[in-house]
Amino acid sequence: MTKTQKLRDKQIRQALTHACEQIKATHYGFAYLTHTIDLNNEAKSLKISCYFEDDIAYHDAEAHFSQLVNIINAELSKISLPVAANQITFLVD
């Protein structure tokens, strides 16, 4: 990994950490999020998985998934990394 890629990876991790903390603060039962990315093709390869603690938390938040996508998009837009809604999945841990 080049120095530039390391810096970019750090930016992405920080943006997603901020998004995760915001979601945790507003949605009970949200556990964490994780991502995979190919730094040579960021916009197309980014995949984000959002995990809820249990089925109840998942179903309670289901109506608000678009809000969660907006939170993630807002943080990633600060570092000029667009993400489509279909690149974000919601799962139960």
PDB file of N, CA and C in Angstrom:
ATOM      1  N   MET A   1       0.838  -1.170   0.000  1.00  0.00           N
ATOM      2  CA  MET A   1       0.000   0.000   0.000  1.00  0.00           C
ATOM      3  C   MET A   1       0.892   1.244   0.000  1.00  0.00           C
ATOM      4  N   THR A   2       0.592   2.161  -0.892  1.00  0.00           N
ATOM      5  CA  THR A   2       1.394   3.377  -0.984  1.00  0.00           C
ATOM      6  C   THR A   2       1.031   4.329   0.160  1.00  0.00           C
ATOM      7  N   LYS A   3       1.851   5.323   0.353  1.00  0.00           N
ATOM      8  CA  LYS A   3       1.602   6.316   1.400  1.00  0.00           C
ATOM      9  C   LYS A   3       0.272   7.039   1.149  1.00  0.00           C
ATOM     10  N   THR A   4       0.004   7.354  -0.107  1.00  0.00           N
ATOM     11  CA  THR A   4      -1.254   8.019  -0.463  1.00  0.00           C
ATOM     12  C   THR A   4      -2.443   7.124  -0.147  1.00  0.00           C
ATOM     13  N   GLN A   5      -2.324   5.846  -0.451  1.00  0.00           N
ATOM     14  CA  GLN A   5      -3.411   4.909  -0.163  1.00  0.00           C
ATOM     15  C   GLN A   5      -3.619   4.755   1.346  1.00  0.00           C
ATOM     16  N   LYS A   6      -2.544   4.763   2.104  1.00  0.00           N
ATOM     17  CA  LYS A   6      -2.660   4.669   3.556  1.00  0.00           C
ATOM     18  C   LYS A   6      -3.396   5.874   4.122  1.00  0.00           C
ATOM     19  N   LEU A   7      -3.083   7.051   3.599  1.00  0.00           N
ATOM     20  CA  LEU A   7      -3.758   8.270   4.050  1.00  0.00           C
ATOM     21  C   LEU A   7      -5.235   8.233   3.685  1.00  0.00           C
ATOM     22  N   ARG A   8      -5.533   7.765   2.482  1.00  0.00           N
ATOM     23  CA  ARG A   8      -6.919   7.685   2.031  1.00  0.00           C
ATOM     24  C   ARG A   8      -7.684   6.658   2.866  1.00  0.00           C
ATOM     25  N   ASP A   9      -7.054   5.535   3.142  1.00  0.00           N
ATOM     26  CA  ASP A   9      -7.687   4.513   3.971  1.00  0.00           C
ATOM     27  C   ASP A   9      -8.011   5.073   5.351  1.00  0.00           C
ATOM     28  N   LYS A  10      -7.110   5.848   5.903  1.00  0.00           N
ATOM     29  CA  LYS A  10      -7.334   6.476   7.206  1.00  0.00           C
ATOM     30  C   LYS A  10      -8.521   7.438   7.143  1.00  0.00           C
ATOM     31  N   GLN A  11      -8.607   8.235   6.081  1.00  0.00           N
ATOM     32  CA  GLN A  11      -9.739   9.162   5.904  1.00  0.00           C
ATOM     33  C   GLN A  11     -11.061   8.402   5.860  1.00  0.00           C
ATOM     34  N   ILE A  12     -11.082   7.316   5.117  1.00  0.00           N
ATOM     35  CA  ILE A  12     -12.306   6.525   4.974  1.00  0.00           C
ATOM     36  C   ILE A  12     -12.704   5.922   6.317  1.00  0.00           C
ATOM     37  N   ARG A  13     -11.741   5.356   7.028  1.00  0.00           N
ATOM     38  CA  ARG A  13     -12.035   4.759   8.333  1.00  0.00           C
ATOM     39  C   ARG A  13     -12.551   5.804   9.311  1.00  0.00           C
ATOM     40  N   GLN A  14     -11.956   7.002   9.304  1.00  0.00           N
ATOM     41  CA  GLN A  14     -12.415   8.056  10.209  1.00  0.00           C
ATOM     42  C   GLN A  14     -13.833   8.506   9.863  1.00  0.00           C
ATOM     43  N   ALA A  15     -14.117   8.665   8.578  1.00  0.00           N
ATOM     44  CA  ALA A  15     -15.464   9.076   8.157  1.00  0.00           C
ATOM     45  C   ALA A  15     -16.498   8.026   8.570  1.00  0.00           C
ATOM     46  N   LEU A  16     -16.172   6.763   8.366  1.00  0.00           N
ATOM     47  CA  LEU A  16     -17.112   5.704   8.730  1.00  0.00           C
ATOM     48  C   LEU A  16     -17.246   5.559  10.243  1.00  0.00           C
ATOM     49  N   THR A  17     -16.187   5.843  10.976  1.00  0.00           N
ATOM     50  CA  THR A  17     -16.271   5.828  12.437  1.00  0.00           C
ATOM     51  C   THR A  17     -17.210   6.918  12.921  1.00  0.00           C
ATOM     52  N   HIS A  18     -17.104   8.102  12.344  1.00  0.00           N
ATOM     53  CA  HIS A  18     -18.012   9.196  12.715  1.00  0.00           C
ATOM     54  C   HIS A  18     -19.457   8.823  12.402  1.00  0.00           C
ATOM     55  N   ALA A  19     -19.679   8.238  11.235  1.00  0.00           N
ATOM     56  CA  ALA A  19     -21.030   7.815  10.858  1.00  0.00           C
ATOM     57  C   ALA A  19     -21.551   6.773  11.843  1.00  0.00           C
ATOM     58  N   CYS A  20     -20.716   5.819  12.191  1.00  0.00           N
ATOM     59  CA  CYS A  20     -21.105   4.766  13.124  1.00  0.00           C
ATOM     60  C   CYS A  20     -21.503   5.358  14.474  1.00  0.00           C
ATOM     61  N   GLU A  21     -20.724   6.271  14.980  1.00  0.00           N
ATOM     62  CA  GLU A  21     -21.021   6.884  16.277  1.00  0.00           C
ATOM     63  C   GLU A  21     -22.326   7.671  16.233  1.00  0.00           C
ATOM     64  N   GLN A  22     -22.579   8.367  15.126  1.00  0.00           N
ATOM     65  CA  GLN A  22     -23.842   9.103  14.984  1.00  0.00           C
ATOM     66  C   GLN A  22     -25.030   8.147  14.969  1.00  0.00           C
ATOM     67  N   ILE A  23     -24.889   7.051  14.233  1.00  0.00           N
ATOM     68  CA  ILE A  23     -25.984   6.080  14.147  1.00  0.00           C
ATOM     69  C   ILE A  23     -26.220   5.431  15.514  1.00  0.00           C
ATOM     70  N   LYS A  24     -25.157   5.085  16.211  1.00  0.00           N
ATOM     71  CA  LYS A  24     -25.299   4.492  17.544  1.00  0.00           C
ATOM     72  C   LYS A  24     -26.040   5.428  18.495  1.00  0.00           C
ATOM     73  N   ALA A  25     -25.778   6.713  18.362  1.00  0.00           N
ATOM     74  CA  ALA A  25     -26.387   7.696  19.256  1.00  0.00           C
ATOM     75  C   ALA A  25     -27.880   7.880  18.978  1.00  0.00           C
ATOM     76  N   THR A  26     -28.306   7.594  17.766  1.00  0.00           N
ATOM     77  CA  THR A  26     -29.700   7.863  17.403  1.00  0.00           C
ATOM     78  C   THR A  26     -30.551   6.617  17.180  1.00  0.00           C
ATOM     79  N   HIS A  27     -29.941   5.462  17.050  1.00  0.00           N
ATOM     80  CA  HIS A  27     -30.700   4.241  16.762  1.00  0.00           C
ATOM     81  C   HIS A  27     -30.317   3.131  17.744  1.00  0.00           C
ATOM     82  N   TYR A  28     -31.219   2.873  18.656  1.00  0.00           N
ATOM     83  CA  TYR A  28     -30.994   1.845  19.677  1.00  0.00           C
ATOM     84  C   TYR A  28     -30.808   0.487  19.001  1.00  0.00           C
ATOM     85  N   GLY A  29     -29.815  -0.248  19.444  1.00  0.00           N
ATOM     86  CA  GLY A  29     -29.591  -1.590  18.937  1.00  0.00           C
ATOM     87  C   GLY A  29     -28.635  -1.669  17.763  1.00  0.00           C
ATOM     88  N   PHE A  30     -28.157  -0.518  17.302  1.00  0.00           N
ATOM     89  CA  PHE A  30     -27.155  -0.543  16.246  1.00  0.00           C
ATOM     90  C   PHE A  30     -25.830  -0.947  16.875  1.00  0.00           C
ATOM     91  N   ALA A  31     -25.168  -1.944  16.286  1.00  0.00           N
ATOM     92  CA  ALA A  31     -23.943  -2.463  16.889  1.00  0.00           C
ATOM     93  C   ALA A  31     -22.694  -1.824  16.297  1.00  0.00           C
ATOM     94  N   TYR A  32     -22.488  -1.990  14.994  1.00  0.00           N
ATOM     95  CA  TYR A  32     -21.284  -1.467  14.350  1.00  0.00           C
ATOM     96  C   TYR A  32     -21.439  -1.533  12.841  1.00  0.00           C
ATOM     97  N   LEU A  33     -20.483  -0.941  12.148  1.00  0.00           N
ATOM     98  CA  LEU A  33     -20.423  -1.091  10.695  1.00  0.00           C
ATOM     99  C   LEU A  33     -19.006  -1.432  10.285  1.00  0.00           C
ATOM    100  N   THR A  34     -18.898  -2.076   9.154  1.00  0.00           N
ATOM    101  CA  THR A  34     -17.601  -2.453   8.614  1.00  0.00           C
ATOM    102  C   THR A  34     -17.625  -2.215   7.112  1.00  0.00           C
ATOM    103  N   HIS A  35     -16.445  -2.224   6.504  1.00  0.00           N
ATOM    104  CA  HIS A  35     -16.399  -1.963   5.075  1.00  0.00           C
ATOM    105  C   HIS A  35     -15.283  -2.751   4.403  1.00  0.00           C
ATOM    106  N   THR A  36     -15.434  -2.875   3.096  1.00  0.00           N
ATOM    107  CA  THR A  36     -14.365  -3.392   2.248  1.00  0.00           C
ATOM    108  C   THR A  36     -14.219  -2.410   1.091  1.00  0.00           C
ATOM    109  N   ILE A  37     -12.993  -2.281   0.608  1.00  0.00           N
ATOM    110  CA  ILE A  37     -12.757  -1.342  -0.479  1.00  0.00           C
ATOM    111  C   ILE A  37     -11.463  -1.700  -1.203  1.00  0.00           C
ATOM    112  N   ASP A  38     -11.468  -1.481  -2.497  1.00  0.00           N
ATOM    113  CA  ASP A  38     -10.251  -1.559  -3.295  1.00  0.00           C
ATOM    114  C   ASP A  38      -9.837  -0.108  -3.530  1.00  0.00           C
ATOM    115  N   LEU A  39      -8.736   0.302  -2.949  1.00  0.00           N
ATOM    116  CA  LEU A  39      -8.332   1.707  -3.012  1.00  0.00           C
ATOM    117  C   LEU A  39      -7.956   2.153  -4.421  1.00  0.00           C
ATOM    118  N   ASN A  40      -7.834   1.229  -5.350  1.00  0.00           N
ATOM    119  CA  ASN A  40      -7.575   1.595  -6.747  1.00  0.00           C
ATOM    120  C   ASN A  40      -8.864   1.893  -7.500  1.00  0.00           C
ATOM    121  N   ASN A  41     -10.007   1.555  -6.908  1.00  0.00           N
ATOM    122  CA  ASN A  41     -11.309   1.783  -7.527  1.00  0.00           C
ATOM    123  C   ASN A  41     -12.333   2.034  -6.427  1.00  0.00           C
ATOM    124  N   GLU A  42     -12.142   3.104  -5.695  1.00  0.00           N
ATOM    125  CA  GLU A  42     -12.909   3.381  -4.488  1.00  0.00           C
ATOM    126  C   GLU A  42     -14.419   3.404  -4.683  1.00  0.00           C
ATOM    127  N   ALA A  43     -14.880   4.254  -5.574  1.00  0.00           N
ATOM    128  CA  ALA A  43     -16.313   4.497  -5.700  1.00  0.00           C
ATOM    129  C   ALA A  43     -17.094   3.239  -6.067  1.00  0.00           C
ATOM    130  N   LYS A  44     -16.522   2.405  -6.909  1.00  0.00           N
ATOM    131  CA  LYS A  44     -17.247   1.214  -7.354  1.00  0.00           C
ATOM    132  C   LYS A  44     -17.058   0.019  -6.431  1.00  0.00           C
ATOM    133  N   SER A  45     -15.974  -0.020  -5.678  1.00  0.00           N
ATOM    134  CA  SER A  45     -15.692  -1.212  -4.878  1.00  0.00           C
ATOM    135  C   SER A  45     -16.119  -1.104  -3.416  1.00  0.00           C
ATOM    136  N   LEU A  46     -16.474   0.084  -2.959  1.00  0.00           N
ATOM    137  CA  LEU A  46     -16.833   0.261  -1.552  1.00  0.00           C
ATOM    138  C   LEU A  46     -18.109  -0.507  -1.218  1.00  0.00           C
ATOM    139  N   LYS A  47     -18.034  -1.320  -0.189  1.00  0.00           N
ATOM    140  CA  LYS A  47     -19.181  -2.055   0.343  1.00  0.00           C
ATOM    141  C   LYS A  47     -19.200  -1.825   1.853  1.00  0.00           C
ATOM    142  N   ILE A  48     -20.351  -1.408   2.355  1.00  0.00           N
ATOM    143  CA  ILE A  48     -20.497  -1.126   3.780  1.00  0.00           C
ATOM    144  C   ILE A  48     -21.561  -2.051   4.344  1.00  0.00           C
ATOM    145  N   SER A  49     -21.243  -2.696   5.452  1.00  0.00           N
ATOM    146  CA  SER A  49     -22.187  -3.573   6.136  1.00  0.00           C
ATOM    147  C   SER A  49     -22.490  -2.982   7.508  1.00  0.00           C
ATOM    148  N   CYS A  50     -23.778  -2.775   7.767  1.00  0.00           N
ATOM    149  CA  CYS A  50     -24.226  -2.209   9.038  1.00  0.00           C
ATOM    150  C   CYS A  50     -24.901  -3.321   9.841  1.00  0.00           C
ATOM    151  N   TYR A  51     -24.467  -3.505  11.069  1.00  0.00           N
ATOM    152  CA  TYR A  51     -24.961  -4.608  11.890  1.00  0.00           C
ATOM    153  C   TYR A  51     -25.769  -4.115  13.081  1.00  0.00           C
ATOM    154  N   PHE A  52     -26.869  -4.802  13.316  1.00  0.00           N
ATOM    155  CA  PHE A  52     -27.716  -4.544  14.474  1.00  0.00           C
ATOM    156  C   PHE A  52     -27.554  -5.680  15.466  1.00  0.00           C
ATOM    157  N   GLU A  53     -27.805  -5.388  16.742  1.00  0.00           N
ATOM    158  CA  GLU A  53     -27.589  -6.355  17.804  1.00  0.00           C
ATOM    159  C   GLU A  53     -28.494  -7.574  17.695  1.00  0.00           C
ATOM    160  N   ASP A  54     -29.750  -7.361  17.268  1.00  0.00           N
ATOM    161  CA  ASP A  54     -30.695  -8.479  17.177  1.00  0.00           C
ATOM    162  C   ASP A  54     -31.795  -8.154  16.175  1.00  0.00           C
ATOM    163  N   ASP A  55     -32.681  -9.119  15.967  1.00  0.00           N
ATOM    164  CA  ASP A  55     -33.770  -8.955  15.001  1.00  0.00           C
ATOM    165  C   ASP A  55     -34.714  -7.821  15.384  1.00  0.00           C
ATOM    166  N   ILE A  56     -34.937  -7.644  16.660  1.00  0.00           N
ATOM    167  CA  ILE A  56     -35.842  -6.585  17.115  1.00  0.00           C
ATOM    168  C   ILE A  56     -35.288  -5.214  16.740  1.00  0.00           C
ATOM    169  N   ALA A  57     -34.022  -4.993  17.024  1.00  0.00           N
ATOM    170  CA  ALA A  57     -33.391  -3.711  16.683  1.00  0.00           C
ATOM    171  C   ALA A  57     -33.402  -3.501  15.172  1.00  0.00           C
ATOM    172  N   TYR A  58     -33.142  -4.557  14.422  1.00  0.00           N
ATOM    173  CA  TYR A  58     -33.144  -4.473  12.957  1.00  0.00           C
ATOM    174  C   TYR A  58     -34.515  -4.046  12.456  1.00  0.00           C
ATOM    175  N   HIS A  59     -35.563  -4.711  12.937  1.00  0.00           N
ATOM    176  CA  HIS A  59     -36.914  -4.398  12.466  1.00  0.00           C
ATOM    177  C   HIS A  59     -37.380  -3.023  12.933  1.00  0.00           C
ATOM    178  N   ASP A  60     -36.952  -2.605  14.115  1.00  0.00           N
ATOM    179  CA  ASP A  60     -37.294  -1.261  14.591  1.00  0.00           C
ATOM    180  C   ASP A  60     -36.652  -0.184  13.720  1.00  0.00           C
ATOM    181  N   ALA A  61     -35.451  -0.452  13.229  1.00  0.00           N
ATOM    182  CA  ALA A  61     -34.718   0.534  12.426  1.00  0.00           C
ATOM    183  C   ALA A  61     -35.041   0.452  10.940  1.00  0.00           C
ATOM    184  N   GLU A  62     -35.704  -0.607  10.527  1.00  0.00           N
ATOM    185  CA  GLU A  62     -35.955  -0.840   9.101  1.00  0.00           C
ATOM    186  C   GLU A  62     -36.601   0.354   8.397  1.00  0.00           C
ATOM    187  N   ALA A  63     -37.523   1.009   9.054  1.00  0.00           N
ATOM    188  CA  ALA A  63     -38.200   2.170   8.461  1.00  0.00           C
ATOM    189  C   ALA A  63     -37.267   3.373   8.334  1.00  0.00           C
ATOM    190  N   HIS A  64     -36.124   3.325   9.009  1.00  0.00           N
ATOM    191  CA  HIS A  64     -35.193   4.453   9.035  1.00  0.00           C
ATOM    192  C   HIS A  64     -33.906   4.183   8.253  1.00  0.00           C
ATOM    193  N   PHE A  65     -33.873   3.110   7.477  1.00  0.00           N
ATOM    194  CA  PHE A  65     -32.657   2.776   6.734  1.00  0.00           C
ATOM    195  C   PHE A  65     -32.213   3.918   5.830  1.00  0.00           C
ATOM    196  N   SER A  66     -33.156   4.639   5.234  1.00  0.00           N
ATOM    197  CA  SER A  66     -32.766   5.753   4.360  1.00  0.00           C
ATOM    198  C   SER A  66     -32.052   6.843   5.159  1.00  0.00           C
ATOM    199  N   GLN A  67     -32.445   7.059   6.397  1.00  0.00           N
ATOM    200  CA  GLN A  67     -31.758   8.028   7.254  1.00  0.00           C
ATOM    201  C   GLN A  67     -30.336   7.566   7.551  1.00  0.00           C
ATOM    202  N   LEU A  68     -30.166   6.274   7.778  1.00  0.00           N
ATOM    203  CA  LEU A  68     -28.838   5.737   8.054  1.00  0.00           C
ATOM    204  C   LEU A  68     -27.942   5.885   6.833  1.00  0.00           C
ATOM    205  N   VAL A  69     -28.498   5.624   5.669  1.00  0.00           N
ATOM    206  CA  VAL A  69     -27.747   5.811   4.419  1.00  0.00           C
ATOM    207  C   VAL A  69     -27.343   7.271   4.282  1.00  0.00           C
ATOM    208  N   ASN A  70     -28.245   8.182   4.628  1.00  0.00           N
ATOM    209  CA  ASN A  70     -27.941   9.616   4.536  1.00  0.00           C
ATOM    210  C   ASN A  70     -26.815  10.017   5.490  1.00  0.00           C
ATOM    211  N   ILE A  71     -26.793   9.447   6.682  1.00  0.00           N
ATOM    212  CA  ILE A  71     -25.716   9.743   7.638  1.00  0.00           C
ATOM    213  C   ILE A  71     -24.379   9.281   7.072  1.00  0.00           C
ATOM    214  N   ILE A  72     -24.355   8.073   6.544  1.00  0.00           N
ATOM    215  CA  ILE A  72     -23.125   7.532   5.967  1.00  0.00           C
ATOM    216  C   ILE A  72     -22.694   8.369   4.767  1.00  0.00           C
ATOM    217  N   ASN A  73     -23.648   8.711   3.907  1.00  0.00           N
ATOM    218  CA  ASN A  73     -23.335   9.544   2.738  1.00  0.00           C
ATOM    219  C   ASN A  73     -22.790  10.899   3.141  1.00  0.00           C
ATOM    220  N   ALA A  74     -23.353  11.495   4.162  1.00  0.00           N
ATOM    221  CA  ALA A  74     -22.904  12.817   4.608  1.00  0.00           C
ATOM    222  C   ALA A  74     -21.444  12.775   5.047  1.00  0.00           C
ATOM    223  N   GLU A  75     -21.083  11.742   5.798  1.00  0.00           N
ATOM    224  CA  GLU A  75     -19.695  11.629   6.261  1.00  0.00           C
ATOM    225  C   GLU A  75     -18.741  11.340   5.097  1.00  0.00           C
ATOM    226  N   LEU A  76     -19.145  10.470   4.190  1.00  0.00           N
ATOM    227  CA  LEU A  76     -18.265  10.140   3.064  1.00  0.00           C
ATOM    228  C   LEU A  76     -18.163  11.276   2.058  1.00  0.00           C
ATOM    229  N   SER A  77     -19.201  12.091   1.962  1.00  0.00           N
ATOM    230  CA  SER A  77     -19.132  13.222   1.034  1.00  0.00           C
ATOM    231  C   SER A  77     -18.112  14.259   1.509  1.00  0.00           C
ATOM    232  N   LYS A  78     -17.837  14.299   2.806  1.00  0.00           N
ATOM    233  CA  LYS A  78     -16.827  15.214   3.339  1.00  0.00           C
ATOM    234  C   LYS A  78     -15.426  14.879   2.819  1.00  0.00           C
ATOM    235  N   ILE A  79     -15.236  13.614   2.418  1.00  0.00           N
ATOM    236  CA  ILE A  79     -13.935  13.203   1.872  1.00  0.00           C
ATOM    237  C   ILE A  79     -14.055  12.870   0.383  1.00  0.00           C
ATOM    238  N   SER A  80     -15.107  13.358  -0.236  1.00  0.00           N
ATOM    239  CA  SER A  80     -15.342  13.190  -1.684  1.00  0.00           C
ATOM    240  C   SER A  80     -15.360  11.729  -2.121  1.00  0.00           C
ATOM    241  N   LEU A  81     -16.120  10.927  -1.392  1.00  0.00           N
ATOM    242  CA  LEU A  81     -16.280   9.526  -1.754  1.00  0.00           C
ATOM    243  C   LEU A  81     -17.770   9.215  -1.859  1.00  0.00           C
ATOM    244  N   PRO A  82     -18.285   9.205  -3.079  1.00  0.00           N
ATOM    245  CA  PRO A  82     -19.712   8.918  -3.248  1.00  0.00           C
ATOM    246  C   PRO A  82     -20.005   7.447  -2.984  1.00  0.00           C
ATOM    247  N   VAL A  83     -21.175   7.185  -2.448  1.00  0.00           N
ATOM    248  CA  VAL A  83     -21.596   5.801  -2.207  1.00  0.00           C
ATOM    249  C   VAL A  83     -23.072   5.693  -2.576  1.00  0.00           C
ATOM    250  N   ALA A  84     -23.415   4.643  -3.291  1.00  0.00           N
ATOM    251  CA  ALA A  84     -24.808   4.397  -3.676  1.00  0.00           C
ATOM    252  C   ALA A  84     -25.487   3.584  -2.582  1.00  0.00           C
ATOM    253  N   ALA A  85     -26.790   3.729  -2.478  1.00  0.00           N
ATOM    254  CA  ALA A  85     -27.538   3.013  -1.448  1.00  0.00           C
ATOM    255  C   ALA A  85     -27.370   1.504  -1.575  1.00  0.00           C
ATOM    256  N   ASN A  86     -27.195   1.010  -2.787  1.00  0.00           N
ATOM    257  CA  ASN A  86     -27.054  -0.445  -2.960  1.00  0.00           C
ATOM    258  C   ASN A  86     -25.689  -0.956  -2.525  1.00  0.00           C
ATOM    259  N   GLN A  87     -24.787  -0.077  -2.149  1.00  0.00           N
ATOM    260  CA  GLN A  87     -23.474  -0.476  -1.637  1.00  0.00           C
ATOM    261  C   GLN A  87     -23.493  -0.632  -0.118  1.00  0.00           C
ATOM    262  N   ILE A  88     -24.648  -0.353   0.491  1.00  0.00           N
ATOM    263  CA  ILE A  88     -24.785  -0.430   1.935  1.00  0.00           C
ATOM    264  C   ILE A  88     -25.813  -1.518   2.260  1.00  0.00           C
ATOM    265  N   THR A  89     -25.416  -2.455   3.111  1.00  0.00           N
ATOM    266  CA  THR A  89     -26.330  -3.518   3.510  1.00  0.00           C
ATOM    267  C   THR A  89     -26.556  -3.460   5.015  1.00  0.00           C
ATOM    268  N   PHE A  90     -27.737  -3.910   5.410  1.00  0.00           N
ATOM    269  CA  PHE A  90     -28.110  -3.930   6.817  1.00  0.00           C
ATOM    270  C   PHE A  90     -28.332  -5.377   7.236  1.00  0.00           C
ATOM    271  N   LEU A  91     -27.671  -5.763   8.330  1.00  0.00           N
ATOM    272  CA  LEU A  91     -27.673  -7.157   8.763  1.00  0.00           C
ATOM    273  C   LEU A  91     -27.832  -7.253  10.270  1.00  0.00           C
ATOM    274  N   VAL A  92     -28.118  -8.454  10.732  1.00  0.00           N
ATOM    275  CA  VAL A  92     -28.186  -8.723  12.167  1.00  0.00           C
ATOM    276  C   VAL A  92     -26.916  -9.457  12.549  1.00  0.00           C
ATOM    277  N   ASP A  93     -26.280  -9.017  13.619  1.00  0.00           N
ATOM    278  CA  ASP A  93     -25.018  -9.613  14.060  1.00  0.00           C
ATOM    279  C   ASP A  93     -25.248 -10.969  14.710  1.00  0.00           C
TER     280      ASP A  93
END
